[in-house]
Full PDB file with SEQRES, HELIX, SHEET, SSBOND, CRYST1, ORIGX, SCALE, CONECT and MASTER records, all heavy atoms in Angstrom:
SEQRES   1 A   30  ALA ALA ASP THR VAL THR ALA ALA GLY TYR ILE ASP VAL          
SEQRES   2 A   30  VAL GLY ASN ASP ARG SER LEU ARG ALA SER GLY SER ALA          
SEQRES   3 A   30  GLY TRP CYS ARG                                              
HELIX    1 AA1 ALA A    2  ALA A    7  1                                   6    
HELIX    2 AA2 GLY A   27  CYS A   29  5                                   3    
CRYST1    1.000    1.000    1.000  90.00  90.00  90.00 P 1           1          
ORIGX1      1.000000  0.000000  0.000000        0.00000                         
ORIGX2      0.000000  1.000000  0.000000        0.00000                         
ORIGX3      0.000000  0.000000  1.000000        0.00000                         
SCALE1      1.000000  0.000000  0.000000        0.00000                         
SCALE2      0.000000  1.000000  0.000000        0.00000                         
SCALE3      0.000000  0.000000  1.000000        0.00000                         
ATOM      1  N   ALA A   1       0.836  -1.203   0.000  1.00  0.00           N  
ATOM      2  CA  ALA A   1       0.000   0.000   0.000  1.00  0.00           C  
ATOM      3  C   ALA A   1       0.871   1.254   0.000  1.00  0.00           C  
ATOM      4  O   ALA A   1       0.523   2.263  -0.630  1.00  0.00           O  
ATOM      5  CB  ALA A   1      -0.924  -0.007   1.219  1.00  0.00           C  
ATOM      6  N   ALA A   2       2.006   1.203   0.703  1.00  0.00           N  
ATOM      7  CA  ALA A   2       2.916   2.352   0.710  1.00  0.00           C  
ATOM      8  C   ALA A   2       3.453   2.632  -0.694  1.00  0.00           C  
ATOM      9  O   ALA A   2       3.597   3.793  -1.098  1.00  0.00           O  
ATOM     10  CB  ALA A   2       4.064   2.104   1.677  1.00  0.00           C  
ATOM     11  N   ASP A   3       3.748   1.575  -1.447  1.00  0.00           N  
ATOM     12  CA  ASP A   3       4.196   1.759  -2.832  1.00  0.00           C  
ATOM     13  C   ASP A   3       3.118   2.433  -3.672  1.00  0.00           C  
ATOM     14  O   ASP A   3       3.415   3.241  -4.563  1.00  0.00           O  
ATOM     15  CB  ASP A   3       4.555   0.409  -3.454  1.00  0.00           C  
ATOM     16  CG  ASP A   3       5.739  -0.253  -2.770  1.00  0.00           C  
ATOM     17  OD1 ASP A   3       6.627   0.471  -2.299  1.00  0.00           O  
ATOM     18  OD2 ASP A   3       5.756  -1.495  -2.698  1.00  0.00           O  
ATOM     19  N   THR A   4       1.869   2.092  -3.394  1.00  0.00           N  
ATOM     20  CA  THR A   4       0.754   2.699  -4.116  1.00  0.00           C  
ATOM     21  C   THR A   4       0.692   4.197  -3.860  1.00  0.00           C  
ATOM     22  O   THR A   4       0.443   4.995  -4.770  1.00  0.00           O  
ATOM     23  CB  THR A   4      -0.577   2.039  -3.699  1.00  0.00           C  
ATOM     24  OG1 THR A   4      -0.516   0.648  -3.994  1.00  0.00           O  
ATOM     25  CG2 THR A   4      -1.757   2.658  -4.420  1.00  0.00           C  
ATOM     26  N   VAL A   5       0.943   4.602  -2.614  1.00  0.00           N  
ATOM     27  CA  VAL A   5       0.888   6.026  -2.268  1.00  0.00           C  
ATOM     28  C   VAL A   5       2.044   6.777  -2.923  1.00  0.00           C  
ATOM     29  O   VAL A   5       1.857   7.858  -3.488  1.00  0.00           O  
ATOM     30  CB  VAL A   5       0.917   6.214  -0.740  1.00  0.00           C  
ATOM     31  CG1 VAL A   5       0.830   7.687  -0.380  1.00  0.00           C  
ATOM     32  CG2 VAL A   5      -0.234   5.463  -0.088  1.00  0.00           C  
ATOM     33  N   THR A   6       3.252   6.227  -2.865  1.00  0.00           N  
ATOM     34  CA  THR A   6       4.382   6.917  -3.482  1.00  0.00           C  
ATOM     35  C   THR A   6       4.241   6.950  -5.006  1.00  0.00           C  
ATOM     36  O   THR A   6       4.648   7.922  -5.642  1.00  0.00           O  
ATOM     37  CB  THR A   6       5.714   6.254  -3.085  1.00  0.00           C  
ATOM     38  OG1 THR A   6       5.678   4.860  -3.411  1.00  0.00           O  
ATOM     39  CG2 THR A   6       5.959   6.412  -1.596  1.00  0.00           C  
ATOM     40  N   ALA A   7       3.646   5.906  -5.590  1.00  0.00           N  
ATOM     41  CA  ALA A   7       3.416   5.904  -7.035  1.00  0.00           C  
ATOM     42  C   ALA A   7       2.436   7.004  -7.437  1.00  0.00           C  
ATOM     43  O   ALA A   7       2.452   7.480  -8.574  1.00  0.00           O  
ATOM     44  CB  ALA A   7       2.897   4.540  -7.487  1.00  0.00           C  
ATOM     45  N   ALA A   8       1.588   7.415  -6.497  1.00  0.00           N  
ATOM     46  CA  ALA A   8       0.630   8.489  -6.758  1.00  0.00           C  
ATOM     47  C   ALA A   8       1.259   9.870  -6.589  1.00  0.00           C  
ATOM     48  O   ALA A   8       0.571  10.882  -6.740  1.00  0.00           O  
ATOM     49  CB  ALA A   8      -0.574   8.344  -5.831  1.00  0.00           C  
ATOM     50  N   GLY A   9       2.557   9.918  -6.261  1.00  0.00           N  
ATOM     51  CA  GLY A   9       3.262  11.188  -6.202  1.00  0.00           C  
ATOM     52  C   GLY A   9       3.536  11.717  -4.816  1.00  0.00           C  
ATOM     53  O   GLY A   9       4.126  12.794  -4.669  1.00  0.00           O  
ATOM     54  N   TYR A  10       3.128  10.974  -3.790  1.00  0.00           N  
ATOM     55  CA  TYR A  10       3.384  11.422  -2.423  1.00  0.00           C  
ATOM     56  C   TYR A  10       4.775  10.958  -1.979  1.00  0.00           C  
ATOM     57  O   TYR A  10       5.272   9.936  -2.435  1.00  0.00           O  
ATOM     58  CB  TYR A  10       2.322  10.880  -1.472  1.00  0.00           C  
ATOM     59  CG  TYR A  10       0.945  11.441  -1.740  1.00  0.00           C  
ATOM     60  CD1 TYR A  10       0.049  10.772  -2.575  1.00  0.00           C  
ATOM     61  CD2 TYR A  10       0.545  12.643  -1.184  1.00  0.00           C  
ATOM     62  CE1 TYR A  10      -1.209  11.291  -2.843  1.00  0.00           C  
ATOM     63  CE2 TYR A  10      -0.710  13.167  -1.442  1.00  0.00           C  
ATOM     64  CZ  TYR A  10      -1.589  12.483  -2.271  1.00  0.00           C  
ATOM     65  OH  TYR A  10      -2.826  13.001  -2.540  1.00  0.00           O  
ATOM     66  N   ILE A  11       5.362  11.712  -1.074  1.00  0.00           N  
ATOM     67  CA  ILE A  11       6.717  11.447  -0.602  1.00  0.00           C  
ATOM     68  C   ILE A  11       6.659  10.849   0.788  1.00  0.00           C  
ATOM     69  O   ILE A  11       6.009  11.383   1.688  1.00  0.00           O  
ATOM     70  CB  ILE A  11       7.534  12.756  -0.585  1.00  0.00           C  
ATOM     71  CG1 ILE A  11       7.662  13.305  -2.004  1.00  0.00           C  
ATOM     72  CG2 ILE A  11       8.914  12.527   0.027  1.00  0.00           C  
ATOM     73  CD1 ILE A  11       8.151  14.733  -2.060  1.00  0.00           C  
ATOM     74  N   ASP A  12       7.334   9.728   0.967  1.00  0.00           N  
ATOM     75  CA  ASP A  12       7.469   9.099   2.275  1.00  0.00           C  
ATOM     76  C   ASP A  12       8.457   9.942   3.084  1.00  0.00           C  
ATOM     77  O   ASP A  12       9.643   9.997   2.777  1.00  0.00           O  
ATOM     78  CB  ASP A  12       7.989   7.672   2.087  1.00  0.00           C  
ATOM     79  CG  ASP A  12       8.199   6.927   3.386  1.00  0.00           C  
ATOM     80  OD1 ASP A  12       7.998   7.531   4.458  1.00  0.00           O  
ATOM     81  OD2 ASP A  12       8.572   5.744   3.339  1.00  0.00           O  
ATOM     82  N   VAL A  13       7.964  10.626   4.114  1.00  0.00           N  
ATOM     83  CA  VAL A  13       8.774  11.613   4.819  1.00  0.00           C  
ATOM     84  C   VAL A  13      10.048  11.008   5.387  1.00  0.00           C  
ATOM     85  O   VAL A  13      11.122  11.605   5.318  1.00  0.00           O  
ATOM     86  CB  VAL A  13       7.945  12.297   5.922  1.00  0.00           C  
ATOM     87  CG1 VAL A  13       8.834  13.153   6.829  1.00  0.00           C  
ATOM     88  CG2 VAL A  13       6.848  13.170   5.305  1.00  0.00           C  
ATOM     89  N   VAL A  14       9.964   9.803   5.966  1.00  0.00           N  
ATOM     90  CA  VAL A  14      11.150   9.218   6.578  1.00  0.00           C  
ATOM     91  C   VAL A  14      12.077   8.578   5.545  1.00  0.00           C  
ATOM     92  O   VAL A  14      13.246   8.342   5.809  1.00  0.00           O  
ATOM     93  CB  VAL A  14      10.768   8.194   7.668  1.00  0.00           C  
ATOM     94  CG1 VAL A  14      10.272   6.906   7.060  1.00  0.00           C  
ATOM     95  CG2 VAL A  14      11.929   7.940   8.617  1.00  0.00           C  
ATOM     96  N   GLY A  15      11.591   8.291   4.349  1.00  0.00           N  
ATOM     97  CA  GLY A  15      12.439   7.786   3.280  1.00  0.00           C  
ATOM     98  C   GLY A  15      12.793   6.323   3.385  1.00  0.00           C  
ATOM     99  O   GLY A  15      13.961   5.951   3.457  1.00  0.00           O  
ATOM    100  N   ASN A  16      11.800   5.456   3.399  1.00  0.00           N  
ATOM    101  CA  ASN A  16      12.060   4.017   3.438  1.00  0.00           C  
ATOM    102  C   ASN A  16      12.662   3.564   2.116  1.00  0.00           C  
ATOM    103  O   ASN A  16      12.141   3.864   1.042  1.00  0.00           O  
ATOM    104  CB  ASN A  16      10.754   3.257   3.700  1.00  0.00           C  
ATOM    105  CG  ASN A  16      10.284   3.426   5.120  1.00  0.00           C  
ATOM    106  OD1 ASN A  16      10.943   2.995   6.058  1.00  0.00           O  
ATOM    107  ND2 ASN A  16       9.137   4.074   5.309  1.00  0.00           N  
ATOM    108  N   ASP A  17      13.754   2.836   2.206  1.00  0.00           N  
ATOM    109  CA  ASP A  17      14.481   2.409   1.017  1.00  0.00           C  
ATOM    110  C   ASP A  17      13.953   1.060   0.544  1.00  0.00           C  
ATOM    111  O   ASP A  17      14.134   0.039   1.197  1.00  0.00           O  
ATOM    112  CB  ASP A  17      15.968   2.301   1.334  1.00  0.00           C  
ATOM    113  CG  ASP A  17      16.823   2.141   0.083  1.00  0.00           C  
ATOM    114  OD1 ASP A  17      16.263   1.775  -0.971  1.00  0.00           O  
ATOM    115  OD2 ASP A  17      18.031   2.382   0.169  1.00  0.00           O  
ATOM    116  N   ARG A  18      13.304   1.056  -0.613  1.00  0.00           N  
ATOM    117  CA  ARG A  18      12.758  -0.180  -1.189  1.00  0.00           C  
ATOM    118  C   ARG A  18      13.670  -0.747  -2.271  1.00  0.00           C  
ATOM    119  O   ARG A  18      13.334  -1.732  -2.915  1.00  0.00           O  
ATOM    120  CB  ARG A  18      11.380   0.095  -1.797  1.00  0.00           C  
ATOM    121  CG  ARG A  18      10.305   0.418  -0.774  1.00  0.00           C  
ATOM    122  CD  ARG A  18       9.751  -0.836  -0.122  1.00  0.00           C  
ATOM    123  NE  ARG A  18       8.825  -1.507  -1.010  1.00  0.00           N  
ATOM    124  CZ  ARG A  18       8.435  -2.762  -0.870  1.00  0.00           C  
ATOM    125  NH1 ARG A  18       8.927  -3.498   0.112  1.00  0.00           N  
ATOM    126  NH2 ARG A  18       7.574  -3.314  -1.698  1.00  0.00           N  
ATOM    127  N   SER A  19      14.838  -0.129  -2.475  1.00  0.00           N  
ATOM    128  CA  SER A  19      15.684  -0.536  -3.598  1.00  0.00           C  
ATOM    129  C   SER A  19      16.635  -1.674  -3.253  1.00  0.00           C  
ATOM    130  O   SER A  19      17.212  -2.271  -4.146  1.00  0.00           O  
ATOM    131  CB  SER A  19      16.502   0.660  -4.091  1.00  0.00           C  
ATOM    132  OG  SER A  19      17.404   1.101  -3.090  1.00  0.00           O  
ATOM    133  N   LEU A  20      16.828  -1.942  -1.963  1.00  0.00           N  
ATOM    134  CA  LEU A  20      17.777  -2.963  -1.551  1.00  0.00           C  
ATOM    135  C   LEU A  20      17.105  -4.044  -0.728  1.00  0.00           C  
ATOM    136  O   LEU A  20      16.038  -3.853  -0.165  1.00  0.00           O  
ATOM    137  CB  LEU A  20      18.900  -2.332  -0.719  1.00  0.00           C  
ATOM    138  CG  LEU A  20      19.754  -1.268  -1.406  1.00  0.00           C  
ATOM    139  CD1 LEU A  20      20.708  -0.650  -0.400  1.00  0.00           C  
ATOM    140  CD2 LEU A  20      20.522  -1.879  -2.558  1.00  0.00           C  
ATOM    141  N   ARG A  21      17.763  -5.185  -0.638  1.00  0.00           N  
ATOM    142  CA  ARG A  21      17.305  -6.263   0.229  1.00  0.00           C  
ATOM    143  C   ARG A  21      18.257  -6.355   1.432  1.00  0.00           C  
ATOM    144  O   ARG A  21      19.310  -5.736   1.452  1.00  0.00           O  
ATOM    145  CB  ARG A  21      17.286  -7.604  -0.535  1.00  0.00           C  
ATOM    146  CG  ARG A  21      16.295  -7.608  -1.689  1.00  0.00           C  
ATOM    147  CD  ARG A  21      14.863  -7.530  -1.161  1.00  0.00           C  
ATOM    148  NE  ARG A  21      13.882  -7.572  -2.236  1.00  0.00           N  
ATOM    149  CZ  ARG A  21      13.322  -6.508  -2.782  1.00  0.00           C  
ATOM    150  NH1 ARG A  21      13.660  -5.297  -2.368  1.00  0.00           N  
ATOM    151  NH2 ARG A  21      12.422  -6.635  -3.724  1.00  0.00           N  
ATOM    152  N   ALA A  22      17.877  -7.135   2.413  1.00  0.00           N  
ATOM    153  CA  ALA A  22      18.688  -7.256   3.623  1.00  0.00           C  
ATOM    154  C   ALA A  22      20.082  -7.756   3.286  1.00  0.00           C  
ATOM    155  O   ALA A  22      20.261  -8.620   2.437  1.00  0.00           O  
ATOM    156  CB  ALA A  22      18.011  -8.200   4.606  1.00  0.00           C  
ATOM    157  N   SER A  23      21.065  -7.192   3.971  1.00  0.00           N  
ATOM    158  CA  SER A  23      22.446  -7.617   3.738  1.00  0.00           C  
ATOM    159  C   SER A  23      23.273  -7.261   4.964  1.00  0.00           C  
ATOM    160  O   SER A  23      22.835  -6.518   5.842  1.00  0.00           O  
ATOM    161  CB  SER A  23      23.031  -6.920   2.505  1.00  0.00           C  
ATOM    162  OG  SER A  23      23.271  -5.559   2.782  1.00  0.00           O  
ATOM    163  N   GLY A  24      24.484  -7.757   5.021  1.00  0.00           N  
ATOM    164  CA  GLY A  24      25.351  -7.490   6.151  1.00  0.00           C  
ATOM    165  C   GLY A  24      25.763  -6.043   6.274  1.00  0.00           C  
ATOM    166  O   GLY A  24      26.280  -5.624   7.298  1.00  0.00           O  
ATOM    167  N   SER A  25      25.580  -5.248   5.235  1.00  0.00           N  
ATOM    168  CA  SER A  25      25.943  -3.835   5.276  1.00  0.00           C  
ATOM    169  C   SER A  25      24.731  -2.947   5.542  1.00  0.00           C  
ATOM    170  O   SER A  25      24.698  -1.795   5.142  1.00  0.00           O  
ATOM    171  CB  SER A  25      26.597  -3.417   3.961  1.00  0.00           C  
ATOM    172  OG  SER A  25      25.693  -3.626   2.884  1.00  0.00           O  
ATOM    173  N   ALA A  26      23.741  -3.505   6.180  1.00  0.00           N  
ATOM    174  CA  ALA A  26      22.502  -2.813   6.584  1.00  0.00           C  
ATOM    175  C   ALA A  26      21.421  -2.862   5.516  1.00  0.00           C  
ATOM    176  O   ALA A  26      20.246  -2.725   5.822  1.00  0.00           O  
ATOM    177  CB  ALA A  26      22.742  -1.374   7.004  1.00  0.00           C  
ATOM    178  N   GLY A  27      21.812  -3.064   4.261  1.00  0.00           N  
ATOM    179  CA  GLY A  27      20.810  -3.283   3.230  1.00  0.00           C  
ATOM    180  C   GLY A  27      19.706  -2.265   3.260  1.00  0.00           C  
ATOM    181  O   GLY A  27      19.944  -1.070   3.332  1.00  0.00           O  
ATOM    182  N   TRP A  28      18.474  -2.741   3.231  1.00  0.00           N  
ATOM    183  CA  TRP A  28      17.362  -1.795   3.141  1.00  0.00           C  
ATOM    184  C   TRP A  28      16.984  -1.210   4.499  1.00  0.00           C  
ATOM    185  O   TRP A  28      15.948  -0.573   4.642  1.00  0.00           O  
ATOM    186  CB  TRP A  28      16.176  -2.405   2.440  1.00  0.00           C  
ATOM    187  CG  TRP A  28      15.610  -3.667   3.023  1.00  0.00           C  
ATOM    188  CD1 TRP A  28      15.937  -4.299   4.170  1.00  0.00           C  
ATOM    189  CD2 TRP A  28      14.569  -4.434   2.440  1.00  0.00           C  
ATOM    190  NE1 TRP A  28      15.181  -5.407   4.356  1.00  0.00           N  
ATOM    191  CE2 TRP A  28      14.325  -5.521   3.297  1.00  0.00           C  
ATOM    192  CE3 TRP A  28      13.808  -4.314   1.279  1.00  0.00           C  
ATOM    193  CZ2 TRP A  28      13.347  -6.486   3.034  1.00  0.00           C  
ATOM    194  CZ3 TRP A  28      12.850  -5.275   1.020  1.00  0.00           C  
ATOM    195  CH2 TRP A  28      12.628  -6.353   1.886  1.00  0.00           C  
ATOM    196  N   CYS A  29      17.829  -1.385   5.497  1.00  0.00           N  
ATOM    197  CA  CYS A  29      17.709  -0.559   6.706  1.00  0.00           C  
ATOM    198  C   CYS A  29      18.090   0.887   6.383  1.00  0.00           C  
ATOM    199  O   CYS A  29      17.762   1.797   7.122  1.00  0.00           O  
ATOM    200  CB  CYS A  29      18.626  -1.073   7.811  1.00  0.00           C  
ATOM    201  SG  CYS A  29      18.079  -2.618   8.568  1.00  0.00           S  
ATOM    202  N   ARG A  30      18.812   1.081   5.290  1.00  0.00           N  
ATOM    203  CA  ARG A  30      19.264   2.418   4.927  1.00  0.00           C  
ATOM    204  C   ARG A  30      18.078   3.335   4.664  1.00  0.00           C  
ATOM    205  O   ARG A  30      17.059   2.930   4.126  1.00  0.00           O  
ATOM    206  CB  ARG A  30      20.124   2.326   3.653  1.00  0.00           C  
ATOM    207  CG  ARG A  30      20.815   3.635   3.290  1.00  0.00           C  
ATOM    208  CD  ARG A  30      21.508   3.505   1.946  1.00  0.00           C  
ATOM    209  NE  ARG A  30      20.558   3.378   0.853  1.00  0.00           N  
ATOM    210  CZ  ARG A  30      20.904   3.198  -0.417  1.00  0.00           C  
ATOM    211  NH1 ARG A  30      22.165   3.061  -0.736  1.00  0.00           N  
ATOM    212  NH2 ARG A  30      19.979   3.113  -1.359  1.00  0.00           N  
TER     213      ARG A  30                                                      
MASTER        0    0    0    2    0    0    0    6  212    1    0    3          
END                                                                             
């Protein structure tokens, strides 16, 4: 649902990173 909102042009204020997967270097915790 969050992807649906950002696709509609709204900005996720905290900036959740959906581009990466979990990894030892923090991954999508970034």
